[in-house]
Amino acid sequence: MQKRQIDIAAFVPEHLDAAVALSRQVGWPHRPEDWQMALALSEGAVAIENDRVVGTALVTRYKEACATINMVIVDQSLRGRGIGRRLMDAALVLSDGRPLRLVATEDGLPLYEKLGFRETGRVLQHQGITAKIDTPPITSAATSADLSAIAELDRQAFGADRSDLIAYLANVGTFAVIRRNNRIAGFSALRCFGRGEVIGPVAAGDLEDAKALVAHFIALRPGRFLRVDIPGIIDLSDWLAERGLGHVGGGIAMMRPSIPPAASDPTIFALANQALG
């Protein structure tokens, strides 16, 4: 039987329903709203066979500093036909030469390594029904006047300007902050995602502040389903598990080119999610 032609096209909003179906096929929890957020912050490509979307890839560019490649999915019935490679080639064009980051599954690892990505660490996915805890005394709800300082703190911690992401999160979620000496010393965000809500990003100067910023939202959501994606920081991983958010999986953090991260204060202790970094 002759193989049908598969075309690569720009990802547009009309493809969102098909993208949601693909993510459900592979067991990802993304709602239509989660895909809408990803696309609003990104450009992307889709693979189309006979007017049906059979693959996706998005590129989220953070000004000129870097980009993340994310939401790379190929229909399970069509794997092994080079669709993933073609989508990645399209994503590389969209990245326009920026340094790249992504979080890989074990299945995707060989392709990414062939394309020059190298492992830089692990991302640990924690989730569960939260325990009841007290609100930390050092945290407070952020205000709209704090957003520029939050964006600057995030830029220092992440190494790129993500002000568009911070603005989007402010519209769909909420922020908590730690204030010291008339400045913001750390922040965390909470928004709806997947089965419940996700805490992240979290940026802080040290582990204890990061714990307090996560605890701020755990305290506000007793008995609710929360998720936190963290770099492989074992102390924070154990602490999350003790509060009902067990380690359930994760991914492989990769970069192209592989550039050792500069030492920074503050540090990213939790991601916005695995797609957005």
C-alpha atoms as a PDB file:
ATOM      1  CA  MET A   1       0.000   0.000   0.000  1.00  0.00           C
ATOM      2  CA  GLN A   2       1.327   3.429  -0.938  1.00  0.00           C
ATOM      3  CA  LYS A   3       2.097   5.702   1.992  1.00  0.00           C
ATOM      4  CA  ARG A   4       0.024   8.850   2.163  1.00  0.00           C
ATOM      5  CA  GLN A   5       1.806  12.177   1.914  1.00  0.00           C
ATOM      6  CA  ILE A   6       2.501  13.984   5.160  1.00  0.00           C
ATOM      7  CA  ASP A   7       2.880  17.756   4.989  1.00  0.00           C
ATOM      8  CA  ILE A   8       4.359  20.160   7.526  1.00  0.00           C
ATOM      9  CA  ALA A   9       2.390  23.360   8.082  1.00  0.00           C
ATOM     10  CA  ALA A  10       2.273  26.269  10.501  1.00  0.00           C
ATOM     11  CA  PHE A  11       0.452  25.575  13.772  1.00  0.00           C
ATOM     12  CA  VAL A  12      -2.642  27.810  13.916  1.00  0.00           C
ATOM     13  CA  PRO A  13      -5.536  27.962  16.423  1.00  0.00           C
ATOM     14  CA  GLU A  14      -7.693  25.769  14.187  1.00  0.00           C
ATOM     15  CA  HIS A  15      -5.335  22.896  15.017  1.00  0.00           C
ATOM     16  CA  LEU A  16      -5.862  23.096  18.782  1.00  0.00           C
ATOM     17  CA  ASP A  17      -8.639  20.490  19.069  1.00  0.00           C
ATOM     18  CA  ALA A  18      -6.519  17.955  17.203  1.00  0.00           C
ATOM     19  CA  ALA A  19      -3.500  18.835  19.368  1.00  0.00           C
ATOM     20  CA  VAL A  20      -5.509  18.197  22.539  1.00  0.00           C
ATOM     21  CA  ALA A  21      -6.523  14.794  21.156  1.00  0.00           C
ATOM     22  CA  LEU A  22      -2.887  13.924  20.411  1.00  0.00           C
ATOM     23  CA  SER A  23      -1.754  14.865  23.914  1.00  0.00           C
ATOM     24  CA  ARG A  24      -4.508  12.736  25.417  1.00  0.00           C
ATOM     25  CA  GLN A  25      -3.401   9.836  23.229  1.00  0.00           C
ATOM     26  CA  VAL A  26       0.038   9.905  24.859  1.00  0.00           C
ATOM     27  CA  GLY A  27      -1.345  10.359  28.366  1.00  0.00           C
ATOM     28  CA  TRP A  28      -0.580  14.041  28.885  1.00  0.00           C
ATOM     29  CA  PRO A  29      -3.086  15.963  31.049  1.00  0.00           C
ATOM     30  CA  HIS A  30      -3.251  19.158  28.969  1.00  0.00           C
ATOM     31  CA  ARG A  31      -6.644  20.840  28.695  1.00  0.00           C
ATOM     32  CA  PRO A  32      -7.614  23.001  25.709  1.00  0.00           C
ATOM     33  CA  GLU A  33      -6.741  26.038  27.878  1.00  0.00           C
ATOM     34  CA  ASP A  34      -3.238  24.660  28.468  1.00  0.00           C
ATOM     35  CA  TRP A  35      -2.668  24.268  24.747  1.00  0.00           C
ATOM     36  CA  GLN A  36      -4.076  27.760  24.132  1.00  0.00           C
ATOM     37  CA  MET A  37      -1.552  29.184  26.576  1.00  0.00           C
ATOM     38  CA  ALA A  38       1.323  27.305  24.971  1.00  0.00           C
ATOM     39  CA  LEU A  39       0.349  28.464  21.481  1.00  0.00           C
ATOM     40  CA  ALA A  40      -0.251  32.064  22.597  1.00  0.00           C
ATOM     41  CA  LEU A  41       3.375  32.217  23.779  1.00  0.00           C
ATOM     42  CA  SER A  42       4.851  30.218  20.900  1.00  0.00           C
ATOM     43  CA  GLU A  43       5.016  29.475  17.212  1.00  0.00           C
ATOM     44  CA  GLY A  44       4.834  25.949  15.928  1.00  0.00           C
ATOM     45  CA  ALA A  45       4.398  23.363  13.243  1.00  0.00           C
ATOM     46  CA  VAL A  46       1.978  20.510  12.626  1.00  0.00           C
ATOM     47  CA  ALA A  47       2.243  17.359  10.536  1.00  0.00           C
ATOM     48  CA  ILE A  48      -0.857  16.761   8.425  1.00  0.00           C
ATOM     49  CA  GLU A  49      -1.900  13.547   6.702  1.00  0.00           C
ATOM     50  CA  ASN A  50      -5.081  13.638   4.604  1.00  0.00           C
ATOM     51  CA  ASP A  51      -6.315  16.819   6.380  1.00  0.00           C
ATOM     52  CA  ARG A  52      -5.712  15.235   9.793  1.00  0.00           C
ATOM     53  CA  VAL A  53      -3.163  16.600  12.293  1.00  0.00           C
ATOM     54  CA  VAL A  54      -0.813  13.742  13.172  1.00  0.00           C
ATOM     55  CA  GLY A  55       2.008  15.636  14.876  1.00  0.00           C
ATOM     56  CA  THR A  56       2.837  18.876  16.678  1.00  0.00           C
ATOM     57  CA  ALA A  57       5.823  20.919  17.827  1.00  0.00           C
ATOM     58  CA  LEU A  58       6.024  24.358  19.433  1.00  0.00           C
ATOM     59  CA  VAL A  59       8.872  26.824  19.892  1.00  0.00           C
ATOM     60  CA  THR A  60       8.646  29.360  22.717  1.00  0.00           C
ATOM     61  CA  ARG A  61      11.128  32.165  22.143  1.00  0.00           C
ATOM     62  CA  TYR A  62      12.323  34.261  25.078  1.00  0.00           C
ATOM     63  CA  LYS A  63      13.429  37.407  23.290  1.00  0.00           C
ATOM     64  CA  GLU A  64      16.861  36.775  21.717  1.00  0.00           C
ATOM     65  CA  ALA A  65      18.385  34.868  24.639  1.00  0.00           C
ATOM     66  CA  CYS A  66      16.997  31.356  24.089  1.00  0.00           C
ATOM     67  CA  ALA A  67      13.956  29.275  23.166  1.00  0.00           C
ATOM     68  CA  THR A  68      12.302  26.090  24.356  1.00  0.00           C
ATOM     69  CA  ILE A  69      11.072  23.370  22.020  1.00  0.00           C
ATOM     70  CA  ASN A  70       7.989  21.716  23.443  1.00  0.00           C
ATOM     71  CA  MET A  71       4.759  19.820  22.825  1.00  0.00           C
ATOM     72  CA  VAL A  72       6.495  17.505  20.333  1.00  0.00           C
ATOM     73  CA  ILE A  73       3.998  14.696  19.693  1.00  0.00           C
ATOM     74  CA  VAL A  74       3.554  12.211  16.841  1.00  0.00           C
ATOM     75  CA  ASP A  75       0.460  10.063  16.440  1.00  0.00           C
ATOM     76  CA  GLN A  76       1.289   6.646  17.854  1.00  0.00           C
ATOM     77  CA  SER A  77       0.100   4.864  14.703  1.00  0.00           C
ATOM     78  CA  LEU A  78       2.567   6.801  12.518  1.00  0.00           C
ATOM     79  CA  ARG A  79       5.796   6.632  14.482  1.00  0.00           C
ATOM     80  CA  GLY A  80       8.887   5.423  12.694  1.00  0.00           C
ATOM     81  CA  ARG A  81       8.140   7.384   9.527  1.00  0.00           C
ATOM     82  CA  GLY A  82      10.419  10.337  10.240  1.00  0.00           C
ATOM     83  CA  ILE A  83       7.612  12.707  11.261  1.00  0.00           C
ATOM     84  CA  GLY A  84       9.302  13.640  14.529  1.00  0.00           C
ATOM     85  CA  ARG A  85      12.498  14.561  12.687  1.00  0.00           C
ATOM     86  CA  ARG A  86      10.585  16.729  10.209  1.00  0.00           C
ATOM     87  CA  LEU A  87       8.759  18.518  13.020  1.00  0.00           C
ATOM     88  CA  MET A  88      12.046  19.112  14.825  1.00  0.00           C
ATOM     89  CA  ASP A  89      13.601  20.474  11.628  1.00  0.00           C
ATOM     90  CA  ALA A  90      10.701  22.925  11.404  1.00  0.00           C
ATOM     91  CA  ALA A  91      11.161  23.845  15.068  1.00  0.00           C
ATOM     92  CA  LEU A  92      14.867  24.521  14.533  1.00  0.00           C
ATOM     93  CA  VAL A  93      13.984  26.945  11.741  1.00  0.00           C
ATOM     94  CA  LEU A  94      11.493  28.723  14.014  1.00  0.00           C
ATOM     95  CA  SER A  95      14.127  29.023  16.745  1.00  0.00           C
ATOM     96  CA  ASP A  96      16.146  31.236  14.385  1.00  0.00           C
ATOM     97  CA  GLY A  97      19.535  30.235  15.791  1.00  0.00           C
ATOM     98  CA  ARG A  98      18.737  30.779  19.465  1.00  0.00           C
ATOM     99  CA  PRO A  99      20.232  28.513  22.138  1.00  0.00           C
ATOM    100  CA  LEU A 100      17.628  25.822  22.779  1.00  0.00           C
ATOM    101  CA  ARG A 101      16.236  23.998  25.786  1.00  0.00           C
ATOM    102  CA  LEU A 102      13.789  21.118  26.020  1.00  0.00           C
ATOM    103  CA  VAL A 103      12.634  18.374  28.352  1.00  0.00           C
ATOM    104  CA  ALA A 104      12.809  14.977  26.666  1.00  0.00           C
ATOM    105  CA  THR A 105      11.105  11.670  27.236  1.00  0.00           C
ATOM    106  CA  GLU A 106      13.176   8.500  27.025  1.00  0.00           C
ATOM    107  CA  ASP A 107      11.545   7.767  23.641  1.00  0.00           C
ATOM    108  CA  GLY A 108      12.547  11.138  22.230  1.00  0.00           C
ATOM    109  CA  LEU A 109      16.095  11.121  23.593  1.00  0.00           C
ATOM    110  CA  PRO A 110      17.820   9.448  20.595  1.00  0.00           C
ATOM    111  CA  LEU A 111      16.394  11.960  18.104  1.00  0.00           C
ATOM    112  CA  TYR A 112      17.345  14.956  20.218  1.00  0.00           C
ATOM    113  CA  GLU A 113      20.870  13.637  20.695  1.00  0.00           C
ATOM    114  CA  LYS A 114      21.226  13.237  16.916  1.00  0.00           C
ATOM    115  CA  LEU A 115      20.224  16.886  16.570  1.00  0.00           C
ATOM    116  CA  GLY A 116      22.965  18.034  18.939  1.00  0.00           C
ATOM    117  CA  PHE A 117      21.072  18.316  22.223  1.00  0.00           C
ATOM    118  CA  ARG A 118      22.884  17.196  25.347  1.00  0.00           C
ATOM    119  CA  GLU A 119      21.533  16.195  28.744  1.00  0.00           C
ATOM    120  CA  THR A 120      22.003  18.806  31.458  1.00  0.00           C
ATOM    121  CA  GLY A 121      19.982  17.252  34.278  1.00  0.00           C
ATOM    122  CA  ARG A 122      16.629  15.812  35.216  1.00  0.00           C
ATOM    123  CA  VAL A 123      13.215  17.314  35.827  1.00  0.00           C
ATOM    124  CA  LEU A 124      11.173  15.707  38.601  1.00  0.00           C
ATOM    125  CA  GLN A 125       7.387  15.777  38.376  1.00  0.00           C
ATOM    126  CA  HIS A 126       5.640  15.893  41.759  1.00  0.00           C
ATOM    127  CA  GLN A 127       1.891  15.810  42.217  1.00  0.00           C
ATOM    128  CA  GLY A 128      -0.846  14.692  44.546  1.00  0.00           C
ATOM    129  CA  ILE A 129      -3.492  15.748  47.026  1.00  0.00           C
ATOM    130  CA  THR A 130      -2.026  18.326  49.350  1.00  0.00           C
ATOM    131  CA  ALA A 131      -1.742  18.045  53.098  1.00  0.00           C
ATOM    132  CA  LYS A 132      -3.083  20.786  55.352  1.00  0.00           C
ATOM    133  CA  ILE A 133      -0.320  23.178  56.406  1.00  0.00           C
ATOM    134  CA  ASP A 134      -0.032  26.712  57.740  1.00  0.00           C
ATOM    135  CA  THR A 135       0.700  29.704  55.536  1.00  0.00           C
ATOM    136  CA  PRO A 136       4.349  30.727  55.951  1.00  0.00           C
ATOM    137  CA  PRO A 137       4.714  34.054  57.742  1.00  0.00           C
ATOM    138  CA  ILE A 138       7.268  35.383  55.249  1.00  0.00           C
ATOM    139  CA  THR A 139       5.076  35.143  52.115  1.00  0.00           C
ATOM    140  CA  SER A 140       2.263  37.352  50.852  1.00  0.00           C
ATOM    141  CA  ALA A 141       0.055  37.712  47.801  1.00  0.00           C
ATOM    142  CA  ALA A 142       1.598  39.733  44.994  1.00  0.00           C
ATOM    143  CA  THR A 143      -0.055  42.802  43.507  1.00  0.00           C
ATOM    144  CA  SER A 144      -0.093  44.101  39.953  1.00  0.00           C
ATOM    145  CA  ALA A 145       2.544  46.629  40.985  1.00  0.00           C
ATOM    146  CA  ASP A 146       4.928  43.727  41.675  1.00  0.00           C
ATOM    147  CA  LEU A 147       4.880  42.264  38.162  1.00  0.00           C
ATOM    148  CA  SER A 148       7.847  44.183  36.763  1.00  0.00           C
ATOM    149  CA  ALA A 149       9.997  43.173  39.746  1.00  0.00           C
ATOM    150  CA  ILE A 150       8.817  39.561  39.420  1.00  0.00           C
ATOM    151  CA  ALA A 151       9.731  39.565  35.726  1.00  0.00           C
ATOM    152  CA  GLU A 152      13.184  40.954  36.497  1.00  0.00           C
ATOM    153  CA  LEU A 153      13.772  38.369  39.223  1.00  0.00           C
ATOM    154  CA  ASP A 154      12.702  35.642  36.795  1.00  0.00           C
ATOM    155  CA  ARG A 155      15.082  37.004  34.144  1.00  0.00           C
ATOM    156  CA  GLN A 156      17.983  36.821  36.567  1.00  0.00           C
ATOM    157  CA  ALA A 157      17.113  33.270  37.651  1.00  0.00           C
ATOM    158  CA  PHE A 158      16.177  31.797  34.262  1.00  0.00           C
ATOM    159  CA  GLY A 159      18.763  33.636  32.204  1.00  0.00           C
ATOM    160  CA  ALA A 160      16.299  35.091  29.692  1.00  0.00           C
ATOM    161  CA  ASP A 161      13.537  37.681  29.535  1.00  0.00           C
ATOM    162  CA  ARG A 162      10.226  35.874  30.068  1.00  0.00           C
ATOM    163  CA  SER A 163       8.111  38.963  30.698  1.00  0.00           C
ATOM    164  CA  ASP A 164       5.465  37.749  28.215  1.00  0.00           C
ATOM    165  CA  LEU A 165       5.113  34.523  30.197  1.00  0.00           C
ATOM    166  CA  ILE A 166       4.903  36.420  33.496  1.00  0.00           C
ATOM    167  CA  ALA A 167       2.201  38.698  32.071  1.00  0.00           C
ATOM    168  CA  TYR A 168       0.211  35.703  30.817  1.00  0.00           C
ATOM    169  CA  LEU A 169       0.464  33.985  34.196  1.00  0.00           C
ATOM    170  CA  ALA A 170      -0.776  37.141  35.896  1.00  0.00           C
ATOM    171  CA  ASN A 171      -3.911  36.992  33.721  1.00  0.00           C
ATOM    172  CA  VAL A 172      -4.710  33.325  34.315  1.00  0.00           C
ATOM    173  CA  GLY A 173      -3.273  32.739  37.779  1.00  0.00           C
ATOM    174  CA  THR A 174      -1.839  34.373  40.859  1.00  0.00           C
ATOM    175  CA  PHE A 175       1.573  35.140  42.378  1.00  0.00           C
ATOM    176  CA  ALA A 176       3.027  35.020  45.878  1.00  0.00           C
ATOM    177  CA  VAL A 177       6.164  36.882  46.922  1.00  0.00           C
ATOM    178  CA  ILE A 178       8.700  37.266  49.703  1.00  0.00           C
ATOM    179  CA  ARG A 179       9.558  40.882  50.475  1.00  0.00           C
ATOM    180  CA  ARG A 180      12.774  41.924  52.198  1.00  0.00           C
ATOM    181  CA  ASN A 181      14.377  45.342  52.525  1.00  0.00           C
ATOM    182  CA  ASN A 182      11.681  46.917  50.330  1.00  0.00           C
ATOM    183  CA  ARG A 183      12.308  44.544  47.459  1.00  0.00           C
ATOM    184  CA  ILE A 184      10.968  41.223  46.195  1.00  0.00           C
ATOM    185  CA  ALA A 185      13.398  38.442  47.142  1.00  0.00           C
ATOM    186  CA  GLY A 186      11.438  35.523  45.649  1.00  0.00           C
ATOM    187  CA  PHE A 187       8.188  34.617  43.947  1.00  0.00           C
ATOM    188  CA  SER A 188       5.959  31.703  43.003  1.00  0.00           C
ATOM    189  CA  ALA A 189       2.963  31.359  40.672  1.00  0.00           C
ATOM    190  CA  LEU A 190      -0.167  29.206  40.706  1.00  0.00           C
ATOM    191  CA  ARG A 191      -2.523  28.479  37.818  1.00  0.00           C
ATOM    192  CA  CYS A 192      -4.972  25.850  36.636  1.00  0.00           C
ATOM    193  CA  PHE A 193      -3.336  23.082  34.635  1.00  0.00           C
ATOM    194  CA  GLY A 194      -4.246  19.533  33.716  1.00  0.00           C
ATOM    195  CA  ARG A 195      -6.032  17.665  36.502  1.00  0.00           C
ATOM    196  CA  GLY A 196      -5.788  20.517  38.981  1.00  0.00           C
ATOM    197  CA  GLU A 197      -3.317  23.354  39.454  1.00  0.00           C
ATOM    198  CA  VAL A 198       0.427  23.774  39.004  1.00  0.00           C
ATOM    199  CA  ILE A 199       2.832  25.750  41.193  1.00  0.00           C
ATOM    200  CA  GLY A 200       5.569  27.361  39.130  1.00  0.00           C
ATOM    201  CA  PRO A 201       7.729  29.047  38.269  1.00  0.00           C
ATOM    202  CA  VAL A 202       9.345  29.490  41.652  1.00  0.00           C
ATOM    203  CA  ALA A 203      12.439  31.675  41.950  1.00  0.00           C
ATOM    204  CA  ALA A 204      14.221  32.293  45.238  1.00  0.00           C
ATOM    205  CA  GLY A 205      17.617  32.979  46.712  1.00  0.00           C
ATOM    206  CA  ASP A 206      17.780  29.760  48.718  1.00  0.00           C
ATOM    207  CA  LEU A 207      15.992  26.489  49.372  1.00  0.00           C
ATOM    208  CA  GLU A 208      14.174  27.654  52.496  1.00  0.00           C
ATOM    209  CA  ASP A 209      12.619  30.601  50.679  1.00  0.00           C
ATOM    210  CA  ALA A 210      11.640  28.283  47.825  1.00  0.00           C
ATOM    211  CA  LYS A 211       9.906  25.930  50.265  1.00  0.00           C
ATOM    212  CA  ALA A 212       8.005  28.864  51.790  1.00  0.00           C
ATOM    213  CA  LEU A 213       6.855  30.066  48.364  1.00  0.00           C
ATOM    214  CA  VAL A 214       5.561  26.602  47.457  1.00  0.00           C
ATOM    215  CA  ALA A 215       4.016  26.181  50.905  1.00  0.00           C
ATOM    216  CA  HIS A 216       2.107  29.457  50.431  1.00  0.00           C
ATOM    217  CA  PHE A 217      -0.046  27.826  47.755  1.00  0.00           C
ATOM    218  CA  ILE A 218      -0.215  24.405  49.394  1.00  0.00           C
ATOM    219  CA  ALA A 219      -1.688  26.172  52.437  1.00  0.00           C
ATOM    220  CA  LEU A 220      -4.303  27.848  50.235  1.00  0.00           C
ATOM    221  CA  ARG A 221      -5.314  24.547  48.584  1.00  0.00           C
ATOM    222  CA  PRO A 222      -5.709  21.882  51.307  1.00  0.00           C
ATOM    223  CA  GLY A 223      -6.995  18.623  49.894  1.00  0.00           C
ATOM    224  CA  ARG A 224      -6.610  19.807  46.299  1.00  0.00           C
ATOM    225  CA  PHE A 225      -4.647  18.239  43.428  1.00  0.00           C
ATOM    226  CA  LEU A 226      -1.420  20.170  42.826  1.00  0.00           C
ATOM    227  CA  ARG A 227       1.587  19.610  40.593  1.00  0.00           C
ATOM    228  CA  VAL A 228       5.150  20.957  40.821  1.00  0.00           C
ATOM    229  CA  ASP A 229       7.916  20.324  38.256  1.00  0.00           C
ATOM    230  CA  ILE A 230      11.373  20.861  39.709  1.00  0.00           C
ATOM    231  CA  PRO A 231      14.996  20.521  38.668  1.00  0.00           C
ATOM    232  CA  GLY A 232      16.598  17.507  40.309  1.00  0.00           C
ATOM    233  CA  ILE A 233      16.945  19.120  43.745  1.00  0.00           C
ATOM    234  CA  ILE A 234      16.627  16.136  46.057  1.00  0.00           C
ATOM    235  CA  ASP A 235      16.059  18.127  49.240  1.00  0.00           C
ATOM    236  CA  LEU A 236      13.066  19.874  47.686  1.00  0.00           C
ATOM    237  CA  SER A 237      11.832  16.584  46.218  1.00  0.00           C
ATOM    238  CA  ASP A 238      11.755  14.922  49.625  1.00  0.00           C
ATOM    239  CA  TRP A 239      10.078  17.957  51.178  1.00  0.00           C
ATOM    240  CA  LEU A 240       7.320  17.939  48.537  1.00  0.00           C
ATOM    241  CA  ALA A 241       6.678  14.216  49.060  1.00  0.00           C
ATOM    242  CA  GLU A 242       6.251  14.792  52.789  1.00  0.00           C
ATOM    243  CA  ARG A 243       3.472  17.259  51.983  1.00  0.00           C
ATOM    244  CA  GLY A 244       1.503  14.923  49.748  1.00  0.00           C
ATOM    245  CA  LEU A 245       3.137  15.725  46.407  1.00  0.00           C
ATOM    246  CA  GLY A 246       4.878  12.501  45.485  1.00  0.00           C
ATOM    247  CA  HIS A 247       7.474  12.003  42.767  1.00  0.00           C
ATOM    248  CA  VAL A 248       5.596  10.432  39.834  1.00  0.00           C
ATOM    249  CA  GLY A 249       7.968  10.817  36.897  1.00  0.00           C
ATOM    250  CA  GLY A 250       9.658  13.574  34.966  1.00  0.00           C
ATOM    251  CA  GLY A 251      11.948  14.084  32.019  1.00  0.00           C
ATOM    252  CA  ILE A 252      15.459  14.758  30.800  1.00  0.00           C
ATOM    253  CA  ALA A 253      16.558  18.401  30.605  1.00  0.00           C
ATOM    254  CA  MET A 254      18.566  19.068  27.446  1.00  0.00           C
ATOM    255  CA  MET A 255      20.265  22.028  25.771  1.00  0.00           C
ATOM    256  CA  ARG A 256      21.733  22.875  22.364  1.00  0.00           C
ATOM    257  CA  PRO A 257      24.453  23.976  22.578  1.00  0.00           C
ATOM    258  CA  SER A 258      25.277  22.567  25.985  1.00  0.00           C
ATOM    259  CA  ILE A 259      26.252  25.660  27.978  1.00  0.00           C
ATOM    260  CA  PRO A 260      26.868  25.287  31.723  1.00  0.00           C
ATOM    261  CA  PRO A 261      24.389  27.580  33.492  1.00  0.00           C
ATOM    262  CA  ALA A 262      25.923  30.614  35.113  1.00  0.00           C
ATOM    263  CA  ALA A 263      25.750  30.722  38.887  1.00  0.00           C
ATOM    264  CA  SER A 264      22.834  32.928  39.801  1.00  0.00           C
ATOM    265  CA  ASP A 265      21.052  34.289  42.813  1.00  0.00           C
ATOM    266  CA  PRO A 266      18.077  33.858  42.633  1.00  0.00           C
ATOM    267  CA  THR A 267      17.619  30.325  41.296  1.00  0.00           C
ATOM    268  CA  ILE A 268      14.698  28.603  39.551  1.00  0.00           C
ATOM    269  CA  PHE A 269      13.415  25.974  42.003  1.00  0.00           C
ATOM    270  CA  ALA A 270      10.260  25.036  40.042  1.00  0.00           C
ATOM    271  CA  LEU A 271       9.389  25.328  36.363  1.00  0.00           C
ATOM    272  CA  ALA A 272       6.367  27.025  34.845  1.00  0.00           C
ATOM    273  CA  ASN A 273       5.944  23.510  33.458  1.00  0.00           C
ATOM    274  CA  GLN A 274       8.098  21.123  31.471  1.00  0.00           C
ATOM    275  CA  ALA A 275       7.156  22.804  28.185  1.00  0.00           C
ATOM    276  CA  LEU A 276       7.934  26.399  29.101  1.00  0.00           C
ATOM    277  CA  GLY A 277      10.858  25.947  31.492  1.00  0.00           C
END
